[in-house]
Amino acid sequence: MSAKISAVEVRELRTKTGCGMMDCKKALTEASGDIDKAVDILRKKGLANIAKRAEKKSNEGLVSSYIHANGSIG
């Protein structure tokens, strides 16, 4: 059974979760339009993505900043 998902529902889920538009639409479709179930689906998918990223190592890289003494250049 395919539920008709409106842009308003997608926007509401997106503001609640901060996830991407297509992720929200897929979660709403999977949850048959139920926003609470869609939030749970996105959380589970998010935890799976975090686990995948945890395996990656970042051995290189440097982040630095410089602000000039008078604050005109940064």
Protein backbone atom coordinates (compact mmCIF):
# COMPACT_ATOMS: atom_id res chain seq x y z
CA MET A 1 0.00 0.00 0.00
CA SER A 2 1.50 3.31 -1.07
CA ALA A 3 0.73 6.38 1.00
CA LYS A 4 0.49 9.80 -0.63
CA ILE A 5 3.13 11.93 1.07
CA SER A 6 2.70 15.71 0.91
CA ALA A 7 5.47 18.28 0.86
CA VAL A 8 4.13 19.70 4.13
CA GLU A 9 4.66 16.36 5.88
CA VAL A 10 8.17 16.06 4.46
CA ARG A 11 8.99 19.61 5.61
CA GLU A 12 7.61 18.91 9.11
CA LEU A 13 9.71 15.75 9.45
CA ARG A 14 12.73 17.56 8.08
CA THR A 15 12.43 20.36 10.65
CA LYS A 16 12.06 17.81 13.45
CA THR A 17 15.04 15.70 12.45
CA GLY A 18 17.32 17.85 10.31
CA CYS A 19 17.63 15.01 7.78
CA GLY A 20 17.65 15.44 4.02
CA MET A 21 14.47 15.80 2.03
CA MET A 22 14.73 12.48 0.19
CA ASP A 23 15.58 10.62 3.41
CA CYS A 24 12.49 12.11 5.05
CA LYS A 25 10.29 11.22 2.09
CA LYS A 26 11.55 7.63 2.05
CA ALA A 27 11.02 7.29 5.80
CA LEU A 28 7.49 8.69 5.55
CA THR A 29 6.69 6.33 2.69
CA GLU A 30 8.02 3.39 4.68
CA ALA A 31 6.01 4.51 7.74
CA SER A 32 2.82 5.01 5.67
CA GLY A 33 2.72 8.72 6.52
CA ASP A 34 3.13 8.33 10.30
CA ILE A 35 5.61 11.00 11.38
CA ASP A 36 6.50 9.36 14.72
CA LYS A 37 7.32 6.05 13.02
CA ALA A 38 9.30 7.94 10.37
CA VAL A 39 11.39 9.60 13.11
CA ASP A 40 12.18 6.16 14.54
CA ILE A 41 13.12 4.87 11.08
CA LEU A 42 15.46 7.82 10.52
CA ARG A 43 17.07 7.29 13.92
CA LYS A 44 17.73 3.63 13.17
CA LYS A 45 19.20 4.51 9.77
CA GLY A 46 21.26 7.26 11.37
CA LEU A 47 22.71 4.85 13.91
CA ALA A 48 23.61 2.49 11.09
CA ASN A 49 25.36 5.32 9.23
CA ILE A 50 27.26 6.34 12.36
CA ALA A 51 28.47 2.77 12.83
CA LYS A 52 29.74 2.73 9.23
CA ARG A 53 31.58 6.02 9.73
CA ALA A 54 33.12 4.88 13.01
CA GLU A 55 35.10 2.25 11.09
CA LYS A 56 36.81 4.92 9.01
CA LYS A 57 40.01 6.42 10.29
CA SER A 58 41.13 9.97 9.81
CA ASN A 59 44.88 9.84 10.07
CA GLU A 60 45.58 13.05 8.22
CA GLY A 61 44.29 16.56 8.32
CA LEU A 62 44.73 19.80 10.15
CA VAL A 63 42.31 22.51 11.07
CA SER A 64 43.66 25.90 12.01
CA SER A 65 42.56 29.49 12.13
CA TYR A 66 44.23 32.87 12.19
CA ILE A 67 42.82 36.21 13.24
CA HIS A 68 44.92 39.32 12.72
CA ALA A 69 45.68 41.39 15.81
CA ASN A 70 43.36 44.24 14.81
CA GLY A 71 40.58 41.82 13.84
CA SER A 72 40.37 43.02 10.22
CA ILE A 73 41.61 39.78 8.69
CA GLY A 74 40.60 36.30 9.67
